[in-house]
Amino acid sequence: MNAGILASFLLLALAGCKPAASLAPAPAAGAKTYPARGIVQSIAPDRRDAVIKHEAIPGFMPAMTMDFSARDANTLAGIAPGDEIAFTLAVTDTNSWIENVQPLGHTNAFGLSGPPGWHIAEPPLEVGDPLPDYGFTDENDRPVRFSDFRGRVLAFTFFFTSCPLPDYCPRMNRNFSETRALLSATNVPANWQFLSLSFDSALDTPQVLSSYARFYRGDDTNRWLFAVASSNTLASLAPKLDLNVWRERGTLSHNLRTVVLAPDGKIACQLDGNQWTPQELADAILAAAKK
């Protein structure tokens, strides 16, 4: 697959029912910093995000390919795809970003390797399209399907429990937690449901999911379920949502997708990336409930 095409899927650009602009991480005290090296795969047009295929970052994460945010466009000034760079990864409990980017050289032998065929077999679904029914295994080791939630608005997102960056998978689940609180505090119909889907079927067993879920929702399981997709299910579902997931050097590389299904099972909204807010998701759920 052409590296530029795949890289464009990884950029966390926002469109459709998503916020119009990407936001830099908010300033935070007490960030931990880690020296890192890697090869730039692509840079977003606003130069606030870069996909970097990086070496292992000692004390934090293994070698993998990730989209990293920059606090401002100057961080990536003069940097181009193919550049080998040294940089600092700064991480707080809720955010991460890169800084102190230094070019080390350039190579033409760069590009991403992803799951072959996932993004050329069929065009992705659009808002208004029905989503085919898929089955998963939930945190109670029971089968669950999208159709089980028909008649309710279903918001689902993807994650894996060992995701290292706080503004990737952990942010998706924090946002679900805050959105659930927003909806619960208002006088709205109870016809909504959250579903967090792991794409790491090798490690995220029902027991692991149950323990992980408690961190985000406590003992209140009301209208929020965690489940895991099998490899075969993911291979069929992912291209329909422009979701990229592949195992790379012992871990998972991925982008982010959050979807709202109307009560009839049709796609009402898709939120790409990590810059959407709990209020925006709550608004999308309430709008879908009226359809």
Protein backbone atom coordinates (compact mmCIF):
# COMPACT_ATOMS: atom_id res chain seq x y z
CA MET A 1 0.00 0.00 0.00
CA ASN A 2 1.21 3.51 -0.78
CA ALA A 3 2.77 4.97 2.38
CA GLY A 4 1.30 8.41 1.80
CA ILE A 5 -2.23 7.01 1.57
CA LEU A 6 -1.90 5.01 4.76
CA ALA A 7 -0.28 7.92 6.58
CA SER A 8 -3.19 10.14 5.65
CA PHE A 9 -5.52 7.72 7.46
CA LEU A 10 -3.39 8.00 10.58
CA LEU A 11 -3.53 11.79 10.80
CA LEU A 12 -6.13 12.89 13.31
CA ALA A 13 -7.88 15.30 10.99
CA LEU A 14 -11.42 16.23 11.93
CA ALA A 15 -14.39 16.55 9.59
CA GLY A 16 -18.13 16.03 9.33
CA CYS A 17 -19.77 16.08 12.78
CA LYS A 18 -16.39 16.69 14.41
CA PRO A 19 -14.78 19.89 15.77
CA ALA A 20 -13.40 22.16 13.06
CA ALA A 21 -9.92 22.67 14.52
CA SER A 22 -7.29 20.62 16.28
CA LEU A 23 -6.25 21.81 19.72
CA ALA A 24 -2.74 21.72 21.10
CA PRO A 25 -2.34 20.01 24.47
CA ALA A 26 -3.10 22.35 27.35
CA PRO A 27 -0.12 23.44 29.43
CA ALA A 28 0.43 21.17 32.39
CA ALA A 29 2.85 21.11 35.28
CA GLY A 30 4.77 18.02 36.26
CA ALA A 31 5.14 16.46 32.82
CA LYS A 32 7.55 13.55 32.56
CA THR A 33 9.93 13.75 29.61
CA TYR A 34 11.57 11.00 27.58
CA PRO A 35 14.28 11.31 24.90
CA ALA A 36 13.32 9.65 21.62
CA ARG A 37 14.37 9.10 18.02
CA GLY A 38 12.42 8.20 14.92
CA ILE A 39 11.64 8.79 11.26
CA VAL A 40 8.85 11.17 10.30
CA GLN A 41 6.22 9.47 8.14
CA SER A 42 3.88 12.41 7.55
CA ILE A 43 3.02 15.84 8.93
CA ALA A 44 -0.46 17.34 9.18
CA PRO A 45 -1.14 20.47 7.09
CA ASP A 46 -1.33 22.62 10.22
CA ARG A 47 2.03 21.12 11.36
CA ARG A 48 0.63 20.31 14.80
CA ASP A 49 0.65 16.53 14.32
CA ALA A 50 3.28 14.18 12.94
CA VAL A 51 3.21 10.45 12.39
CA ILE A 52 6.58 9.14 13.61
CA LYS A 53 7.96 5.62 13.37
CA HIS A 54 10.04 5.72 16.50
CA GLU A 55 12.54 3.54 18.28
CA ALA A 56 11.82 2.15 21.73
CA ILE A 57 11.47 4.95 24.27
CA PRO A 58 13.26 3.63 27.37
CA GLY A 59 11.09 3.59 30.44
CA PHE A 60 7.90 4.37 28.57
CA MET A 61 6.93 2.52 25.37
CA PRO A 62 8.27 0.05 22.80
CA ALA A 63 9.14 0.90 19.22
CA MET A 64 6.01 1.62 17.19
CA THR A 65 4.37 4.11 14.83
CA MET A 66 2.23 6.80 16.43
CA ASP A 67 0.70 10.19 15.71
CA PHE A 68 2.23 12.76 18.06
CA SER A 69 0.94 16.28 18.75
CA ALA A 70 3.11 19.39 18.83
CA ARG A 71 2.25 22.40 20.96
CA ASP A 72 2.69 24.78 18.03
CA ALA A 73 3.69 24.68 14.37
CA ASN A 74 7.19 25.95 15.14
CA THR A 75 8.03 22.63 16.79
CA LEU A 76 8.08 20.96 13.38
CA ALA A 77 9.49 23.92 11.43
CA GLY A 78 11.85 22.71 8.73
CA ILE A 79 10.95 19.05 9.30
CA ALA A 80 9.72 16.92 6.39
CA PRO A 81 8.58 13.31 5.88
CA GLY A 82 11.63 11.08 5.68
CA ASP A 83 13.60 13.10 8.23
CA GLU A 84 15.22 11.17 11.03
CA ILE A 85 14.77 13.21 14.18
CA ALA A 86 15.63 13.32 17.85
CA PHE A 87 12.84 14.67 20.03
CA THR A 88 11.50 14.82 23.57
CA LEU A 89 8.19 13.20 24.44
CA ALA A 90 6.42 14.99 27.29
CA VAL A 91 3.65 13.09 29.11
CA THR A 92 1.20 14.06 31.84
CA ASP A 93 -1.70 12.06 33.26
CA THR A 94 -3.97 13.32 30.49
CA ASN A 95 -1.84 14.63 27.61
CA SER A 96 1.32 14.03 25.60
CA TRP A 97 3.24 16.10 23.07
CA ILE A 98 6.62 16.35 21.39
CA GLU A 99 9.15 19.15 21.76
CA ASN A 100 12.84 19.91 21.15
CA VAL A 101 12.72 18.33 17.68
CA GLN A 102 16.17 18.11 16.06
CA PRO A 103 16.82 16.80 12.52
CA LEU A 104 19.49 14.12 12.29
CA GLY A 105 19.36 13.29 8.59
CA HIS A 106 17.04 12.24 5.80
CA THR A 107 16.12 8.93 4.22
CA ASN A 108 14.02 8.02 1.22
CA ALA A 109 13.44 4.54 2.68
CA PHE A 110 10.52 5.47 4.88
CA GLY A 111 6.88 4.53 4.89
CA LEU A 112 4.29 2.77 6.99
CA SER A 113 3.44 -0.87 6.90
CA GLY A 114 -0.13 -1.61 7.80
CA PRO A 115 -2.74 -4.33 7.43
CA PRO A 116 -2.79 -5.25 3.71
CA GLY A 117 -6.07 -4.76 1.93
CA TRP A 118 -8.07 -3.25 4.78
CA HIS A 119 -8.39 0.13 3.07
CA ILE A 120 -8.64 -0.83 -0.57
CA ALA A 121 -11.26 -3.59 -0.40
CA GLU A 122 -14.22 -1.25 -0.04
CA PRO A 123 -15.03 2.40 0.57
CA PRO A 124 -15.79 3.38 4.17
CA LEU A 125 -19.37 3.86 5.30
CA GLU A 126 -20.81 7.34 5.59
CA VAL A 127 -23.28 9.05 7.91
CA GLY A 128 -26.72 7.63 7.18
CA ASP A 129 -25.43 4.22 6.13
CA PRO A 130 -26.53 1.17 8.14
CA LEU A 131 -23.68 -0.56 9.97
CA PRO A 132 -23.69 -4.34 9.49
CA ASP A 133 -24.26 -6.39 12.61
CA TYR A 134 -21.09 -7.63 14.34
CA GLY A 135 -20.58 -9.78 17.41
CA PHE A 136 -18.09 -9.41 20.26
CA THR A 137 -17.24 -10.96 23.62
CA ASP A 138 -18.06 -8.72 26.56
CA GLU A 139 -16.38 -8.27 29.93
CA ASN A 140 -18.68 -10.94 31.41
CA ASP A 141 -17.52 -13.47 28.79
CA ARG A 142 -20.88 -13.29 27.07
CA PRO A 143 -21.62 -12.69 23.36
CA VAL A 144 -22.92 -9.26 22.46
CA ARG A 145 -23.90 -7.78 19.10
CA PHE A 146 -24.62 -4.32 17.75
CA SER A 147 -28.19 -5.47 17.13
CA ASP A 148 -28.63 -6.06 20.87
CA PHE A 149 -28.77 -2.27 21.26
CA ARG A 150 -31.25 -1.62 18.47
CA GLY A 151 -33.82 0.90 19.63
CA ARG A 152 -31.18 2.81 21.60
CA VAL A 153 -28.49 5.25 20.56
CA LEU A 154 -25.19 3.38 20.73
CA ALA A 155 -21.88 5.23 21.06
CA PHE A 156 -18.84 3.00 20.64
CA THR A 157 -15.12 3.59 20.52
CA PHE A 158 -11.96 1.49 20.18
CA PHE A 159 -9.04 1.00 22.56
CA PHE A 160 -6.63 -1.53 24.01
CA THR A 161 -5.81 -1.74 27.70
CA SER A 162 -2.02 -1.46 27.35
CA CYS A 163 -2.15 1.69 25.16
CA PRO A 164 0.71 3.86 26.51
CA LEU A 165 -0.29 7.41 25.54
CA PRO A 166 -2.80 9.12 27.87
CA ASP A 167 -4.41 11.09 25.03
CA TYR A 168 -5.08 8.00 22.93
CA CYS A 169 -7.13 5.11 24.38
CA PRO A 170 -7.30 6.45 27.95
CA ARG A 171 -8.75 9.74 26.67
CA MET A 172 -11.45 7.87 24.76
CA ASN A 173 -12.59 6.17 27.95
CA ARG A 174 -12.27 9.30 30.08
CA ASN A 175 -14.44 11.11 27.53
CA PHE A 176 -17.01 8.31 27.69
CA SER A 177 -17.03 8.60 31.47
CA GLU A 178 -17.60 12.36 31.35
CA THR A 179 -20.22 12.09 28.61
CA ARG A 180 -22.14 9.48 30.59
CA ALA A 181 -22.11 11.83 33.58
CA LEU A 182 -23.40 14.69 31.43
CA LEU A 183 -26.26 12.62 30.05
CA SER A 184 -27.13 11.14 33.44
CA ALA A 185 -27.36 14.60 34.98
CA THR A 186 -29.89 15.84 32.43
CA ASN A 187 -33.53 15.01 31.92
CA VAL A 188 -33.05 12.95 28.76
CA PRO A 189 -34.55 9.60 27.75
CA ALA A 190 -32.62 6.53 28.90
CA ASN A 191 -32.32 5.14 25.36
CA TRP A 192 -28.55 5.47 25.05
CA GLN A 193 -25.66 3.06 25.59
CA PHE A 194 -21.84 3.16 25.56
CA LEU A 195 -19.66 0.36 24.24
CA SER A 196 -15.85 0.37 24.51
CA LEU A 197 -14.36 -2.16 22.09
CA SER A 198 -10.85 -3.52 22.50
CA PHE A 199 -8.96 -4.55 19.37
CA ASP A 200 -6.38 -6.57 21.31
CA SER A 201 -8.02 -9.99 21.47
CA ALA A 202 -4.69 -11.61 22.41
CA LEU A 203 -4.39 -9.81 25.75
CA ASP A 204 -7.72 -8.17 26.60
CA THR A 205 -9.60 -11.11 28.08
CA PRO A 206 -12.96 -10.59 29.78
CA GLN A 207 -11.16 -10.62 33.15
CA VAL A 208 -8.71 -7.92 32.01
CA LEU A 209 -11.52 -5.83 30.57
CA SER A 210 -13.59 -6.05 33.75
CA SER A 211 -10.69 -4.82 35.87
CA TYR A 212 -9.78 -2.08 33.39
CA ALA A 213 -13.38 -0.89 33.12
CA ARG A 214 -13.60 -0.36 36.87
CA PHE A 215 -10.87 2.28 36.64
CA TYR A 216 -13.05 4.47 34.40
CA ARG A 217 -16.61 3.78 35.55
CA GLY A 218 -16.12 2.56 39.12
CA ASP A 219 -18.77 0.10 40.20
CA ASP A 220 -21.48 1.84 38.17
CA THR A 221 -21.91 -0.30 35.05
CA ASN A 222 -25.10 1.47 34.01
CA ARG A 223 -25.29 1.86 30.22
CA TRP A 224 -21.56 1.25 29.65
CA LEU A 225 -20.18 -2.08 28.49
CA PHE A 226 -16.62 -3.17 27.62
CA ALA A 227 -15.99 -5.88 25.03
CA VAL A 228 -13.32 -7.24 22.70
CA ALA A 229 -13.43 -7.84 18.95
CA SER A 230 -11.88 -10.94 17.43
CA SER A 231 -9.24 -10.54 14.72
CA ASN A 232 -11.68 -11.72 12.06
CA THR A 233 -14.39 -9.31 13.20
CA LEU A 234 -11.93 -6.43 13.30
CA ALA A 235 -10.64 -7.21 9.81
CA SER A 236 -14.18 -6.84 8.47
CA LEU A 237 -15.35 -3.92 10.61
CA ALA A 238 -12.23 -1.70 10.51
CA PRO A 239 -12.29 -0.70 6.83
CA LYS A 240 -15.93 0.30 7.10
CA LEU A 241 -14.89 3.01 9.59
CA ASP A 242 -11.42 3.91 8.25
CA LEU A 243 -10.02 2.32 11.40
CA ASN A 244 -6.34 1.31 11.14
CA VAL A 245 -4.99 -1.26 13.57
CA TRP A 246 -1.96 -3.47 13.12
CA ARG A 247 0.55 -5.25 15.30
CA GLU A 248 4.00 -3.73 15.04
CA ARG A 249 7.08 -4.94 16.86
CA GLY A 250 5.13 -6.50 19.67
CA THR A 251 2.55 -3.78 20.20
CA LEU A 252 -0.38 -2.17 18.37
CA SER A 253 -0.38 0.88 16.15
CA HIS A 254 -3.74 2.49 15.46
CA ASN A 255 -5.77 5.59 14.83
CA LEU A 256 -8.92 6.62 16.68
CA ARG A 257 -12.57 6.24 15.76
CA THR A 258 -15.70 6.92 17.81
CA VAL A 259 -19.09 6.22 16.25
CA VAL A 260 -22.67 7.08 17.19
CA LEU A 261 -25.37 4.75 15.86
CA ALA A 262 -28.98 5.91 15.70
CA PRO A 263 -31.66 3.61 17.18
CA ASP A 264 -32.22 2.09 13.72
CA GLY A 265 -28.56 1.03 13.49
CA LYS A 266 -27.52 3.69 10.99
CA ILE A 267 -24.39 5.79 11.46
CA ALA A 268 -25.43 9.15 12.92
CA CYS A 269 -21.98 10.57 13.57
CA GLN A 270 -18.31 9.57 13.44
CA LEU A 271 -15.75 11.38 15.59
CA ASP A 272 -12.20 10.89 14.37
CA GLY A 273 -9.09 11.54 16.43
CA ASN A 274 -8.86 12.67 20.03
CA GLN A 275 -9.84 16.34 20.04
CA TRP A 276 -13.59 15.97 20.42
CA THR A 277 -15.09 16.81 23.81
CA PRO A 278 -17.60 14.99 26.04
CA GLN A 279 -20.11 17.76 25.38
CA GLU A 280 -19.80 17.26 21.62
CA LEU A 281 -20.40 13.54 22.02
CA ALA A 282 -23.38 14.19 24.30
CA ASP A 283 -24.84 16.56 21.71
CA ALA A 284 -24.35 13.95 18.97
CA ILE A 285 -26.10 11.30 21.08
CA LEU A 286 -29.06 13.58 21.81
CA ALA A 287 -29.34 14.50 18.12
CA ALA A 288 -29.29 10.83 17.13
CA ALA A 289 -32.01 10.04 19.68
CA LYS A 290 -34.36 12.39 17.82
CA LYS A 291 -33.94 10.59 14.48
